[in-house]
Amino acid sequence: MKFLIALCIILSACAYNAMSRTLSEPSIVEAHQQWMMKYGRTYTNNSELEKRRKIFKENLEYIENFNNAGNKSYNLGLNLYSDLTSKEFIASHTGLKVPRHLSSSKKGSNTIHFNLSDDVPTKFDWRDEGAVTDVKNQQRCGCCWAFSAVAAIEGIVKIKTDSLTSLSEQQLVDCDEQNQGCNGGFMDDTFKYIIQNQGIASEAEYPYQGNDQTCQFNDQMTPAAQITSFVDVPANDEQQLLHAVAQQPISVGIAVGTEFQLYQKGVYSGTCGRDLNHAVTAVGYGVSEDGTKYWLIKNSWGKNWGEEGYIRMLRESGESEGQCGIAAHASYPTI
């Protein structure tokens, strides 16, 4: 019986691989229908259906060609964003806007250098310390900056108070006038707003809506968390970033390119965007089974993306700014 089950699994895998190589029209239609059912996707009319099916096919072909090439440290795969073009996805699911006066080599007055001779663990994961809330989803709102900053604040609050509370990204989208809501923002400006506002509400009290709304924060709301300041990690120095992440979760900016949308698993060492356009949170680091060093990154694209909402990104890539610019603009709140 075990032999028969194994044989069926092998034959099914072979059949799928054969389908994906040929990508016949009937197989594309079936694959797209199954994908729509899995993610509950519907379209307003047949024209939209055909448009999305065409994009789905192009993404599936890209995935199959990439994975079949072999010798990669990561794989791509279908996910809930597989009917979007890369341009559509980046436009609607990123949102980091680094102020023009800040270059990739910024060294602000609030930068603190770590003593690199101090020992840090060879691997670390703030999830193991209970300092990371569940993966969230920014949806079609360019407010990754809010999710990145909130995750960093949630982490330091847990470290300092031993209490993990999910905080409100929506408050930042609605009320933080230093940023632009769903049209983008920057984490340092977010920290400034929270300091000036004397706190941020909980997710429960001010839940996420996924679009710009009128600010609802008022005197009747008791802040669930407060910070006193924030610090910039010395730019373009992964060893400084390593020491920072060993201390607490860190807000970082990255340059997202085409392959991020379809990332499935592994240590990402692939193409990046030209400019920093997405904000995420570094919640750890480690070494893979084959010895590849990586950053553990919490994203805000839902649990159905990547490794249950996370991506491992190549650490010590050889570039001064790190893989996809991860070390260029990193900062963290303090209490």
C-alpha atoms as a PDB file:
ATOM      1  CA  MET A   1       0.000   0.000   0.000  1.00  0.00           C
ATOM      2  CA  LYS A   2       2.805   2.459   0.905  1.00  0.00           C
ATOM      3  CA  PHE A   3       4.438   1.652  -2.461  1.00  0.00           C
ATOM      4  CA  LEU A   4       1.187   2.413  -4.324  1.00  0.00           C
ATOM      5  CA  ILE A   5       0.709   5.697  -2.467  1.00  0.00           C
ATOM      6  CA  ALA A   6       4.280   6.739  -3.233  1.00  0.00           C
ATOM      7  CA  LEU A   7       3.803   5.771  -6.893  1.00  0.00           C
ATOM      8  CA  CYS A   8       0.635   7.866  -7.121  1.00  0.00           C
ATOM      9  CA  ILE A   9       2.440  10.850  -5.643  1.00  0.00           C
ATOM     10  CA  ILE A  10       5.289  10.478  -8.124  1.00  0.00           C
ATOM     11  CA  LEU A  11       2.913  10.109 -11.078  1.00  0.00           C
ATOM     12  CA  SER A  12       0.912  13.143  -9.969  1.00  0.00           C
ATOM     13  CA  ALA A  13       4.072  15.208  -9.671  1.00  0.00           C
ATOM     14  CA  CYS A  14       5.193  14.071 -13.099  1.00  0.00           C
ATOM     15  CA  ALA A  15       1.809  14.911 -14.578  1.00  0.00           C
ATOM     16  CA  TYR A  16       1.943  18.395 -13.063  1.00  0.00           C
ATOM     17  CA  ASN A  17       5.484  18.957 -14.307  1.00  0.00           C
ATOM     18  CA  ALA A  18       4.475  17.845 -17.775  1.00  0.00           C
ATOM     19  CA  MET A  19       1.516  20.224 -17.696  1.00  0.00           C
ATOM     20  CA  SER A  20       3.639  23.126 -16.508  1.00  0.00           C
ATOM     21  CA  ARG A  21       6.197  22.527 -19.233  1.00  0.00           C
ATOM     22  CA  THR A  22       3.643  22.434 -22.022  1.00  0.00           C
ATOM     23  CA  LEU A  23       1.294  25.043 -20.553  1.00  0.00           C
ATOM     24  CA  SER A  24      -1.518  24.158 -22.934  1.00  0.00           C
ATOM     25  CA  GLU A  25      -4.542  26.405 -22.953  1.00  0.00           C
ATOM     26  CA  PRO A  26      -6.834  23.861 -21.227  1.00  0.00           C
ATOM     27  CA  SER A  27      -4.261  23.263 -18.514  1.00  0.00           C
ATOM     28  CA  ILE A  28      -3.859  27.013 -17.973  1.00  0.00           C
ATOM     29  CA  VAL A  29      -7.615  27.440 -17.678  1.00  0.00           C
ATOM     30  CA  GLU A  30      -7.809  24.596 -15.156  1.00  0.00           C
ATOM     31  CA  ALA A  31      -4.841  25.866 -13.152  1.00  0.00           C
ATOM     32  CA  HIS A  32      -6.282  29.374 -13.061  1.00  0.00           C
ATOM     33  CA  GLN A  33      -9.698  28.099 -11.963  1.00  0.00           C
ATOM     34  CA  GLN A  34      -8.127  26.088  -9.173  1.00  0.00           C
ATOM     35  CA  TRP A  35      -6.087  29.130  -8.140  1.00  0.00           C
ATOM     36  CA  MET A  36      -9.224  31.320  -8.128  1.00  0.00           C
ATOM     37  CA  MET A  37     -11.012  28.826  -5.897  1.00  0.00           C
ATOM     38  CA  LYS A  38      -8.069  28.600  -3.498  1.00  0.00           C
ATOM     39  CA  TYR A  39      -7.811  32.357  -3.002  1.00  0.00           C
ATOM     40  CA  GLY A  40     -11.475  33.251  -3.450  1.00  0.00           C
ATOM     41  CA  ARG A  41     -10.754  35.454  -6.462  1.00  0.00           C
ATOM     42  CA  THR A  42     -13.595  36.654  -8.670  1.00  0.00           C
ATOM     43  CA  TYR A  43     -13.713  39.071 -11.614  1.00  0.00           C
ATOM     44  CA  THR A  44     -16.342  41.590 -12.643  1.00  0.00           C
ATOM     45  CA  ASN A  45     -16.694  40.379 -16.258  1.00  0.00           C
ATOM     46  CA  ASN A  46     -15.251  38.053 -18.899  1.00  0.00           C
ATOM     47  CA  SER A  47     -12.927  40.742 -20.221  1.00  0.00           C
ATOM     48  CA  GLU A  48     -11.281  41.081 -16.814  1.00  0.00           C
ATOM     49  CA  LEU A  49     -11.182  37.298 -16.472  1.00  0.00           C
ATOM     50  CA  GLU A  50      -9.314  36.895 -19.769  1.00  0.00           C
ATOM     51  CA  LYS A  51      -6.915  39.711 -18.888  1.00  0.00           C
ATOM     52  CA  ARG A  52      -6.082  38.178 -15.513  1.00  0.00           C
ATOM     53  CA  ARG A  53      -5.782  34.682 -16.961  1.00  0.00           C
ATOM     54  CA  LYS A  54      -3.230  35.946 -19.465  1.00  0.00           C
ATOM     55  CA  ILE A  55      -1.185  37.554 -16.687  1.00  0.00           C
ATOM     56  CA  PHE A  56      -1.535  34.379 -14.605  1.00  0.00           C
ATOM     57  CA  LYS A  57      -0.164  32.343 -17.517  1.00  0.00           C
ATOM     58  CA  GLU A  58       2.812  34.673 -17.942  1.00  0.00           C
ATOM     59  CA  ASN A  59       3.608  34.459 -14.236  1.00  0.00           C
ATOM     60  CA  LEU A  60       3.279  30.672 -14.240  1.00  0.00           C
ATOM     61  CA  GLU A  61       5.613  30.407 -17.238  1.00  0.00           C
ATOM     62  CA  TYR A  62       8.111  32.664 -15.460  1.00  0.00           C
ATOM     63  CA  ILE A  63       7.914  30.526 -12.308  1.00  0.00           C
ATOM     64  CA  GLU A  64       8.399  27.261 -14.206  1.00  0.00           C
ATOM     65  CA  ASN A  65      11.308  28.561 -16.286  1.00  0.00           C
ATOM     66  CA  PHE A  66      12.992  29.942 -13.183  1.00  0.00           C
ATOM     67  CA  ASN A  67      12.571  26.838 -11.027  1.00  0.00           C
ATOM     68  CA  ASN A  68      13.507  24.422 -13.813  1.00  0.00           C
ATOM     69  CA  ALA A  69      16.782  26.278 -14.371  1.00  0.00           C
ATOM     70  CA  GLY A  70      18.028  24.858 -11.041  1.00  0.00           C
ATOM     71  CA  ASN A  71      21.034  25.918  -8.959  1.00  0.00           C
ATOM     72  CA  LYS A  72      19.074  28.583  -7.119  1.00  0.00           C
ATOM     73  CA  SER A  73      19.066  29.348  -3.408  1.00  0.00           C
ATOM     74  CA  TYR A  74      15.334  30.102  -3.563  1.00  0.00           C
ATOM     75  CA  ASN A  75      12.184  29.064  -5.427  1.00  0.00           C
ATOM     76  CA  LEU A  76       9.281  30.961  -6.903  1.00  0.00           C
ATOM     77  CA  GLY A  77       5.670  29.812  -6.778  1.00  0.00           C
ATOM     78  CA  LEU A  78       2.034  30.724  -7.242  1.00  0.00           C
ATOM     79  CA  ASN A  79       0.457  32.832  -4.506  1.00  0.00           C
ATOM     80  CA  LEU A  80      -2.449  35.202  -4.031  1.00  0.00           C
ATOM     81  CA  TYR A  81      -0.727  37.819  -6.230  1.00  0.00           C
ATOM     82  CA  SER A  82      -0.204  35.638  -9.310  1.00  0.00           C
ATOM     83  CA  ASP A  83      -2.755  37.437 -11.492  1.00  0.00           C
ATOM     84  CA  LEU A  84      -1.031  40.813 -11.142  1.00  0.00           C
ATOM     85  CA  THR A  85       1.735  42.192 -13.328  1.00  0.00           C
ATOM     86  CA  SER A  86       4.938  43.156 -11.588  1.00  0.00           C
ATOM     87  CA  LYS A  87       4.195  46.821 -12.234  1.00  0.00           C
ATOM     88  CA  GLU A  88       0.700  46.531 -10.732  1.00  0.00           C
ATOM     89  CA  PHE A  89       1.955  44.653  -7.715  1.00  0.00           C
ATOM     90  CA  ILE A  90       4.804  47.003  -6.878  1.00  0.00           C
ATOM     91  CA  ALA A  91       2.541  50.032  -7.334  1.00  0.00           C
ATOM     92  CA  SER A  92      -0.103  48.702  -4.947  1.00  0.00           C
ATOM     93  CA  HIS A  93       1.833  46.661  -2.371  1.00  0.00           C
ATOM     94  CA  THR A  94       4.971  48.659  -1.534  1.00  0.00           C
ATOM     95  CA  GLY A  95       5.092  52.346  -0.489  1.00  0.00           C
ATOM     96  CA  LEU A  96       8.474  53.301   0.991  1.00  0.00           C
ATOM     97  CA  LYS A  97       9.428  56.873   0.147  1.00  0.00           C
ATOM     98  CA  VAL A  98      12.865  57.876   1.361  1.00  0.00           C
ATOM     99  CA  PRO A  99      13.082  61.689   1.661  1.00  0.00           C
ATOM    100  CA  ARG A 100      15.098  63.240  -1.159  1.00  0.00           C
ATOM    101  CA  HIS A 101      17.544  64.941   1.179  1.00  0.00           C
ATOM    102  CA  LEU A 102      18.640  61.552   2.516  1.00  0.00           C
ATOM    103  CA  SER A 103      21.148  59.640   0.434  1.00  0.00           C
ATOM    104  CA  SER A 104      21.913  55.925   0.777  1.00  0.00           C
ATOM    105  CA  SER A 105      24.906  56.945   2.878  1.00  0.00           C
ATOM    106  CA  LYS A 106      22.965  59.010   5.413  1.00  0.00           C
ATOM    107  CA  LYS A 107      24.410  59.343   8.867  1.00  0.00           C
ATOM    108  CA  GLY A 108      21.967  61.348  10.943  1.00  0.00           C
ATOM    109  CA  SER A 109      22.676  62.908  14.279  1.00  0.00           C
ATOM    110  CA  ASN A 110      20.670  60.129  15.912  1.00  0.00           C
ATOM    111  CA  THR A 111      22.938  57.400  14.568  1.00  0.00           C
ATOM    112  CA  ILE A 112      24.568  55.156  17.169  1.00  0.00           C
ATOM    113  CA  HIS A 113      27.474  52.844  16.384  1.00  0.00           C
ATOM    114  CA  PHE A 114      27.655  49.423  17.986  1.00  0.00           C
ATOM    115  CA  ASN A 115      30.904  47.990  19.286  1.00  0.00           C
ATOM    116  CA  LEU A 116      31.566  45.290  16.695  1.00  0.00           C
ATOM    117  CA  SER A 117      33.917  43.493  19.070  1.00  0.00           C
ATOM    118  CA  ASP A 118      30.938  42.594  21.255  1.00  0.00           C
ATOM    119  CA  ASP A 119      29.740  39.034  20.780  1.00  0.00           C
ATOM    120  CA  VAL A 120      26.365  38.356  19.171  1.00  0.00           C
ATOM    121  CA  PRO A 121      24.689  34.963  18.665  1.00  0.00           C
ATOM    122  CA  THR A 122      25.413  33.166  15.394  1.00  0.00           C
ATOM    123  CA  LYS A 123      21.649  33.016  14.806  1.00  0.00           C
ATOM    124  CA  PHE A 124      18.690  34.755  16.361  1.00  0.00           C
ATOM    125  CA  ASP A 125      14.925  34.861  15.883  1.00  0.00           C
ATOM    126  CA  TRP A 126      12.774  37.345  17.786  1.00  0.00           C
ATOM    127  CA  ARG A 127       9.748  35.106  17.186  1.00  0.00           C
ATOM    128  CA  ASP A 128      11.306  32.636  19.615  1.00  0.00           C
ATOM    129  CA  GLU A 129      11.304  35.423  22.218  1.00  0.00           C
ATOM    130  CA  GLY A 130       7.629  36.191  21.671  1.00  0.00           C
ATOM    131  CA  ALA A 131       8.427  39.665  20.332  1.00  0.00           C
ATOM    132  CA  VAL A 132       6.727  39.354  16.930  1.00  0.00           C
ATOM    133  CA  THR A 133       2.992  39.535  16.236  1.00  0.00           C
ATOM    134  CA  ASP A 134       1.282  37.520  13.494  1.00  0.00           C
ATOM    135  CA  VAL A 135       2.006  38.431   9.881  1.00  0.00           C
ATOM    136  CA  LYS A 136      -0.352  41.149   8.642  1.00  0.00           C
ATOM    137  CA  ASN A 137      -1.495  42.232   5.169  1.00  0.00           C
ATOM    138  CA  GLN A 138      -1.297  45.823   3.956  1.00  0.00           C
ATOM    139  CA  GLN A 139      -3.538  44.902   0.999  1.00  0.00           C
ATOM    140  CA  ARG A 140      -3.701  47.395  -1.885  1.00  0.00           C
ATOM    141  CA  CYS A 141      -2.429  50.282   0.212  1.00  0.00           C
ATOM    142  CA  GLY A 142       1.086  51.655  -0.110  1.00  0.00           C
ATOM    143  CA  CYS A 143       1.665  51.832   3.630  1.00  0.00           C
ATOM    144  CA  CYS A 144       4.415  49.268   4.139  1.00  0.00           C
ATOM    145  CA  TRP A 145       6.200  51.992   6.109  1.00  0.00           C
ATOM    146  CA  ALA A 146       3.489  51.813   8.773  1.00  0.00           C
ATOM    147  CA  PHE A 147       3.688  48.025   9.074  1.00  0.00           C
ATOM    148  CA  SER A 148       7.483  48.121   9.277  1.00  0.00           C
ATOM    149  CA  ALA A 149       7.486  50.760  12.019  1.00  0.00           C
ATOM    150  CA  VAL A 150       4.679  49.098  13.971  1.00  0.00           C
ATOM    151  CA  ALA A 151       6.422  45.714  13.962  1.00  0.00           C
ATOM    152  CA  ALA A 152       9.575  47.336  15.327  1.00  0.00           C
ATOM    153  CA  ILE A 153       7.589  49.095  18.071  1.00  0.00           C
ATOM    154  CA  GLU A 154       5.690  45.914  18.950  1.00  0.00           C
ATOM    155  CA  GLY A 155       9.049  44.209  19.355  1.00  0.00           C
ATOM    156  CA  ILE A 156      10.695  46.743  21.652  1.00  0.00           C
ATOM    157  CA  VAL A 157       7.520  47.045  23.768  1.00  0.00           C
ATOM    158  CA  LYS A 158       7.565  43.289  24.320  1.00  0.00           C
ATOM    159  CA  ILE A 159      11.267  43.363  25.184  1.00  0.00           C
ATOM    160  CA  LYS A 160      10.843  46.196  27.684  1.00  0.00           C
ATOM    161  CA  THR A 161       7.472  45.305  29.231  1.00  0.00           C
ATOM    162  CA  ASP A 162       7.091  41.571  28.526  1.00  0.00           C
ATOM    163  CA  SER A 163       3.741  42.344  26.877  1.00  0.00           C
ATOM    164  CA  LEU A 164       3.096  41.754  23.173  1.00  0.00           C
ATOM    165  CA  THR A 165       0.298  43.910  21.751  1.00  0.00           C
ATOM    166  CA  SER A 166      -0.715  44.265  18.119  1.00  0.00           C
ATOM    167  CA  LEU A 167      -0.624  47.991  17.314  1.00  0.00           C
ATOM    168  CA  SER A 168      -2.545  50.122  14.819  1.00  0.00           C
ATOM    169  CA  GLU A 169      -1.184  50.708  11.332  1.00  0.00           C
ATOM    170  CA  GLN A 170      -4.474  52.380  10.424  1.00  0.00           C
ATOM    171  CA  GLN A 171      -3.870  55.167  12.920  1.00  0.00           C
ATOM    172  CA  LEU A 172      -0.626  55.948  11.136  1.00  0.00           C
ATOM    173  CA  VAL A 173      -2.289  55.844   7.715  1.00  0.00           C
ATOM    174  CA  ASP A 174      -5.052  58.213   8.861  1.00  0.00           C
ATOM    175  CA  CYS A 175      -3.332  60.515  11.335  1.00  0.00           C
ATOM    176  CA  ASP A 176       0.379  60.753  10.527  1.00  0.00           C
ATOM    177  CA  GLU A 177       0.525  63.909   8.410  1.00  0.00           C
ATOM    178  CA  GLN A 178       4.280  63.627   8.012  1.00  0.00           C
ATOM    179  CA  ASN A 179       3.598  60.669   5.705  1.00  0.00           C
ATOM    180  CA  GLN A 180       1.118  60.154   2.872  1.00  0.00           C
ATOM    181  CA  GLY A 181      -1.082  57.264   3.965  1.00  0.00           C
ATOM    182  CA  CYS A 182      -1.600  54.741   1.170  1.00  0.00           C
ATOM    183  CA  ASN A 183       0.589  56.892  -1.094  1.00  0.00           C
ATOM    184  CA  GLY A 184       3.761  56.124   0.818  1.00  0.00           C
ATOM    185  CA  GLY A 185       5.901  57.139   3.749  1.00  0.00           C
ATOM    186  CA  PHE A 186       9.120  56.725   5.728  1.00  0.00           C
ATOM    187  CA  MET A 187       9.658  54.947   9.047  1.00  0.00           C
ATOM    188  CA  ASP A 188      11.705  57.685  10.753  1.00  0.00           C
ATOM    189  CA  ASP A 189       8.872  60.156  10.159  1.00  0.00           C
ATOM    190  CA  THR A 190       6.478  57.570  11.605  1.00  0.00           C
ATOM    191  CA  PHE A 191       8.518  57.319  14.803  1.00  0.00           C
ATOM    192  CA  LYS A 192       8.511  61.139  15.036  1.00  0.00           C
ATOM    193  CA  TYR A 193       4.725  61.219  14.782  1.00  0.00           C
ATOM    194  CA  ILE A 194       4.259  58.592  17.506  1.00  0.00           C
ATOM    195  CA  ILE A 195       6.607  60.490  19.835  1.00  0.00           C
ATOM    196  CA  GLN A 196       4.767  63.787  19.197  1.00  0.00           C
ATOM    197  CA  ASN A 197       1.378  62.081  19.562  1.00  0.00           C
ATOM    198  CA  GLN A 198       2.521  60.488  22.827  1.00  0.00           C
ATOM    199  CA  GLY A 199       1.644  57.012  21.671  1.00  0.00           C
ATOM    200  CA  ILE A 200      -0.147  54.674  19.304  1.00  0.00           C
ATOM    201  CA  ALA A 201      -3.424  52.807  19.727  1.00  0.00           C
ATOM    202  CA  SER A 202      -3.864  49.063  19.665  1.00  0.00           C
ATOM    203  CA  GLU A 203      -4.995  47.201  16.561  1.00  0.00           C
ATOM    204  CA  ALA A 204      -8.140  46.185  18.433  1.00  0.00           C
ATOM    205  CA  GLU A 205      -9.117  49.769  19.232  1.00  0.00           C
ATOM    206  CA  TYR A 206      -8.166  51.197  15.817  1.00  0.00           C
ATOM    207  CA  PRO A 207      -8.402  48.286  13.323  1.00  0.00           C
ATOM    208  CA  TYR A 208      -6.902  48.191   9.844  1.00  0.00           C
ATOM    209  CA  GLN A 209      -9.134  49.123   6.887  1.00  0.00           C
ATOM    210  CA  GLY A 210      -6.680  49.086   3.984  1.00  0.00           C
ATOM    211  CA  ASN A 211      -7.397  52.607   2.717  1.00  0.00           C
ATOM    212  CA  ASP A 212      -7.060  56.258   3.708  1.00  0.00           C
ATOM    213  CA  GLN A 213      -9.682  57.451   6.176  1.00  0.00           C
ATOM    214  CA  THR A 214     -10.313  60.384   8.488  1.00  0.00           C
ATOM    215  CA  CYS A 215      -8.200  60.311  11.633  1.00  0.00           C
ATOM    216  CA  GLN A 216     -10.154  58.733  14.499  1.00  0.00           C
ATOM    217  CA  PHE A 217      -7.531  59.042  17.237  1.00  0.00           C
ATOM    218  CA  ASN A 218      -8.765  61.294  20.043  1.00  0.00           C
ATOM    219  CA  ASP A 219      -8.374  62.047  23.750  1.00  0.00           C
ATOM    220  CA  GLN A 220     -10.697  59.182  24.662  1.00  0.00           C
ATOM    221  CA  MET A 221      -8.257  56.645  23.226  1.00  0.00           C
ATOM    222  CA  THR A 222      -5.575  55.422  25.583  1.00  0.00           C
ATOM    223  CA  PRO A 223      -2.307  54.715  23.748  1.00  0.00           C
ATOM    224  CA  ALA A 224      -1.359  51.048  23.890  1.00  0.00           C
ATOM    225  CA  ALA A 225       2.345  51.854  23.448  1.00  0.00           C
ATOM    226  CA  GLN A 226       4.721  54.800  23.580  1.00  0.00           C
ATOM    227  CA  ILE A 227       8.293  55.375  22.438  1.00  0.00           C
ATOM    228  CA  THR A 228      10.745  58.037  23.516  1.00  0.00           C
ATOM    229  CA  SER A 229      13.109  58.223  20.552  1.00  0.00           C
ATOM    230  CA  PHE A 230      14.480  56.378  17.542  1.00  0.00           C
ATOM    231  CA  VAL A 231      17.930  55.540  16.229  1.00  0.00           C
ATOM    232  CA  ASP A 232      19.343  55.164  12.720  1.00  0.00           C
ATOM    233  CA  VAL A 233      21.635  52.189  12.171  1.00  0.00           C
ATOM    234  CA  PRO A 234      24.920  53.292  10.535  1.00  0.00           C
ATOM    235  CA  ALA A 235      24.270  53.100   6.808  1.00  0.00           C
ATOM    236  CA  ASN A 236      25.669  50.456   4.468  1.00  0.00           C
ATOM    237  CA  ASP A 237      27.193  48.317   7.210  1.00  0.00           C
ATOM    238  CA  GLU A 238      25.714  44.841   7.634  1.00  0.00           C
ATOM    239  CA  GLN A 239      27.755  44.161  10.748  1.00  0.00           C
ATOM    240  CA  GLN A 240      26.205  47.182  12.435  1.00  0.00           C
ATOM    241  CA  LEU A 241      22.806  45.958  11.300  1.00  0.00           C
ATOM    242  CA  LEU A 242      23.574  42.503  12.693  1.00  0.00           C
ATOM    243  CA  HIS A 243      24.281  43.934  16.135  1.00  0.00           C
ATOM    244  CA  ALA A 244      21.124  46.030  15.918  1.00  0.00           C
ATOM    245  CA  VAL A 245      18.916  43.042  15.040  1.00  0.00           C
ATOM    246  CA  ALA A 246      20.462  41.082  17.917  1.00  0.00           C
ATOM    247  CA  GLN A 247      19.176  43.886  20.161  1.00  0.00           C
ATOM    248  CA  GLN A 248      15.596  44.219  18.814  1.00  0.00           C
ATOM    249  CA  PRO A 249      13.491  44.027  15.594  1.00  0.00           C
ATOM    250  CA  ILE A 250      14.625  46.669  13.099  1.00  0.00           C
ATOM    251  CA  SER A 251      12.754  48.622  10.414  1.00  0.00           C
ATOM    252  CA  VAL A 252      14.565  48.344   7.078  1.00  0.00           C
ATOM    253  CA  GLY A 253      14.027  49.506   3.522  1.00  0.00           C
ATOM    254  CA  ILE A 254      14.594  47.249   0.518  1.00  0.00           C
ATOM    255  CA  ALA A 255      14.490  47.574  -3.266  1.00  0.00           C
ATOM    256  CA  VAL A 256      11.763  45.188  -4.423  1.00  0.00           C
ATOM    257  CA  GLY A 257      11.994  43.810  -7.953  1.00  0.00           C
ATOM    258  CA  THR A 258       9.971  41.430 -10.137  1.00  0.00           C
ATOM    259  CA  GLU A 259      10.791  38.163  -8.369  1.00  0.00           C
ATOM    260  CA  PHE A 260       9.711  39.306  -4.899  1.00  0.00           C
ATOM    261  CA  GLN A 261       6.068  39.080  -5.931  1.00  0.00           C
ATOM    262  CA  LEU A 262       6.391  35.340  -6.647  1.00  0.00           C
ATOM    263  CA  TYR A 263       8.925  34.386  -3.943  1.00  0.00           C
ATOM    264  CA  GLN A 264       8.019  31.085  -2.302  1.00  0.00           C
ATOM    265  CA  LYS A 265      10.895  29.773  -0.200  1.00  0.00           C
ATOM    266  CA  GLY A 266      14.653  29.722   0.294  1.00  0.00           C
ATOM    267  CA  VAL A 267      17.311  32.392   0.762  1.00  0.00           C
ATOM    268  CA  TYR A 268      16.582  35.215  -1.665  1.00  0.00           C
ATOM    269  CA  SER A 269      19.672  36.166  -3.628  1.00  0.00           C
ATOM    270  CA  GLY A 270      17.960  37.353  -6.811  1.00  0.00           C
ATOM    271  CA  THR A 271      17.200  40.559  -8.628  1.00  0.00           C
ATOM    272  CA  CYS A 272      16.230  43.745  -6.828  1.00  0.00           C
ATOM    273  CA  GLY A 273      14.609  47.017  -7.778  1.00  0.00           C
ATOM    274  CA  ARG A 274      16.586  50.085  -8.757  1.00  0.00           C
ATOM    275  CA  ASP A 275      15.524  52.135  -5.748  1.00  0.00           C
ATOM    276  CA  LEU A 276      14.375  51.460  -2.201  1.00  0.00           C
ATOM    277  CA  ASN A 277      10.604  51.123  -2.496  1.00  0.00           C
ATOM    278  CA  HIS A 278       9.433  48.755   0.242  1.00  0.00           C
ATOM    279  CA  ALA A 279       9.673  48.709   4.043  1.00  0.00           C
ATOM    280  CA  VAL A 280       9.864  45.508   6.072  1.00  0.00           C
ATOM    281  CA  THR A 281      11.127  44.416   9.488  1.00  0.00           C
ATOM    282  CA  ALA A 282      14.280  42.429  10.214  1.00  0.00           C
ATOM    283  CA  VAL A 283      13.344  40.081  13.071  1.00  0.00           C
ATOM    284  CA  GLY A 284      16.353  37.783  13.042  1.00  0.00           C
ATOM    285  CA  TYR A 285      19.163  36.198  11.111  1.00  0.00           C
ATOM    286  CA  GLY A 286      20.720  32.802  10.653  1.00  0.00           C
ATOM    287  CA  VAL A 287      22.549  30.323   8.435  1.00  0.00           C
ATOM    288  CA  SER A 288      20.787  27.874   6.109  1.00  0.00           C
ATOM    289  CA  GLU A 289      21.600  24.173   5.884  1.00  0.00           C
ATOM    290  CA  ASP A 290      23.987  24.790   2.992  1.00  0.00           C
ATOM    291  CA  GLY A 291      25.842  27.482   4.955  1.00  0.00           C
ATOM    292  CA  THR A 292      24.223  30.534   3.357  1.00  0.00           C
ATOM    293  CA  LYS A 293      23.876  33.463   5.749  1.00  0.00           C
ATOM    294  CA  TYR A 294      20.499  35.211   5.718  1.00  0.00           C
ATOM    295  CA  TRP A 295      18.333  37.918   7.233  1.00  0.00           C
ATOM    296  CA  LEU A 296      14.925  36.849   8.547  1.00  0.00           C
ATOM    297  CA  ILE A 297      12.406  39.401   7.308  1.00  0.00           C
ATOM    298  CA  LYS A 298       8.794  39.895   8.353  1.00  0.00           C
ATOM    299  CA  ASN A 299       6.778  41.212   5.431  1.00  0.00           C
ATOM    300  CA  SER A 300       3.267  42.702   5.227  1.00  0.00           C
ATOM    301  CA  TRP A 301       1.817  40.759   2.283  1.00  0.00           C
ATOM    302  CA  GLY A 302      -0.105  38.157   4.291  1.00  0.00           C
ATOM    303  CA  LYS A 303       0.693  34.604   5.385  1.00  0.00           C
ATOM    304  CA  ASN A 304       0.018  33.170   1.917  1.00  0.00           C
ATOM    305  CA  TRP A 305       3.121  34.876   0.544  1.00  0.00           C
ATOM    306  CA  GLY A 306       6.650  33.481   0.906  1.00  0.00           C
ATOM    307  CA  GLU A 307       7.520  31.375   3.931  1.00  0.00           C
ATOM    308  CA  GLU A 308       4.239  31.980   5.772  1.00  0.00           C
ATOM    309  CA  GLY A 309       4.647  35.721   5.305  1.00  0.00           C
ATOM    310  CA  TYR A 310       8.427  35.836   5.788  1.00  0.00           C
ATOM    311  CA  ILE A 311      11.383  35.972   3.445  1.00  0.00           C
ATOM    312  CA  ARG A 312      14.962  34.982   4.127  1.00  0.00           C
ATOM    313  CA  MET A 313      17.290  37.384   2.331  1.00  0.00           C
ATOM    314  CA  LEU A 314      20.972  36.870   1.594  1.00  0.00           C
ATOM    315  CA  ARG A 315      23.225  38.289   4.304  1.00  0.00           C
ATOM    316  CA  GLU A 316      26.760  39.506   3.528  1.00  0.00           C
ATOM    317  CA  SER A 317      26.039  39.720  -0.191  1.00  0.00           C
ATOM    318  CA  GLY A 318      29.284  41.528  -0.936  1.00  0.00           C
ATOM    319  CA  GLU A 319      27.495  44.803  -1.657  1.00  0.00           C
ATOM    320  CA  SER A 320      28.097  47.598   0.843  1.00  0.00           C
ATOM    321  CA  GLU A 321      24.373  48.322   1.115  1.00  0.00           C
ATOM    322  CA  GLY A 322      23.507  44.630   1.443  1.00  0.00           C
ATOM    323  CA  GLN A 323      21.139  42.504  -0.611  1.00  0.00           C
ATOM    324  CA  CYS A 324      18.537  44.788  -2.205  1.00  0.00           C
ATOM    325  CA  GLY A 325      19.809  47.706  -0.116  1.00  0.00           C
ATOM    326  CA  ILE A 326      18.752  46.216   3.220  1.00  0.00           C
ATOM    327  CA  ALA A 327      21.505  48.044   5.129  1.00  0.00           C
ATOM    328  CA  ALA A 328      20.986  51.460   3.516  1.00  0.00           C
ATOM    329  CA  HIS A 329      18.110  52.796   5.663  1.00  0.00           C
ATOM    330  CA  ALA A 330      17.573  50.887   8.898  1.00  0.00           C
ATOM    331  CA  SER A 331      16.219  52.348  12.121  1.00  0.00           C
ATOM    332  CA  TYR A 332      14.613  51.343  15.391  1.00  0.00           C
ATOM    333  CA  PRO A 333      12.505  52.901  18.168  1.00  0.00           C
ATOM    334  CA  THR A 334      13.651  53.173  21.768  1.00  0.00           C
ATOM    335  CA  ILE A 335      11.843  53.299  25.096  1.00  0.00           C
END
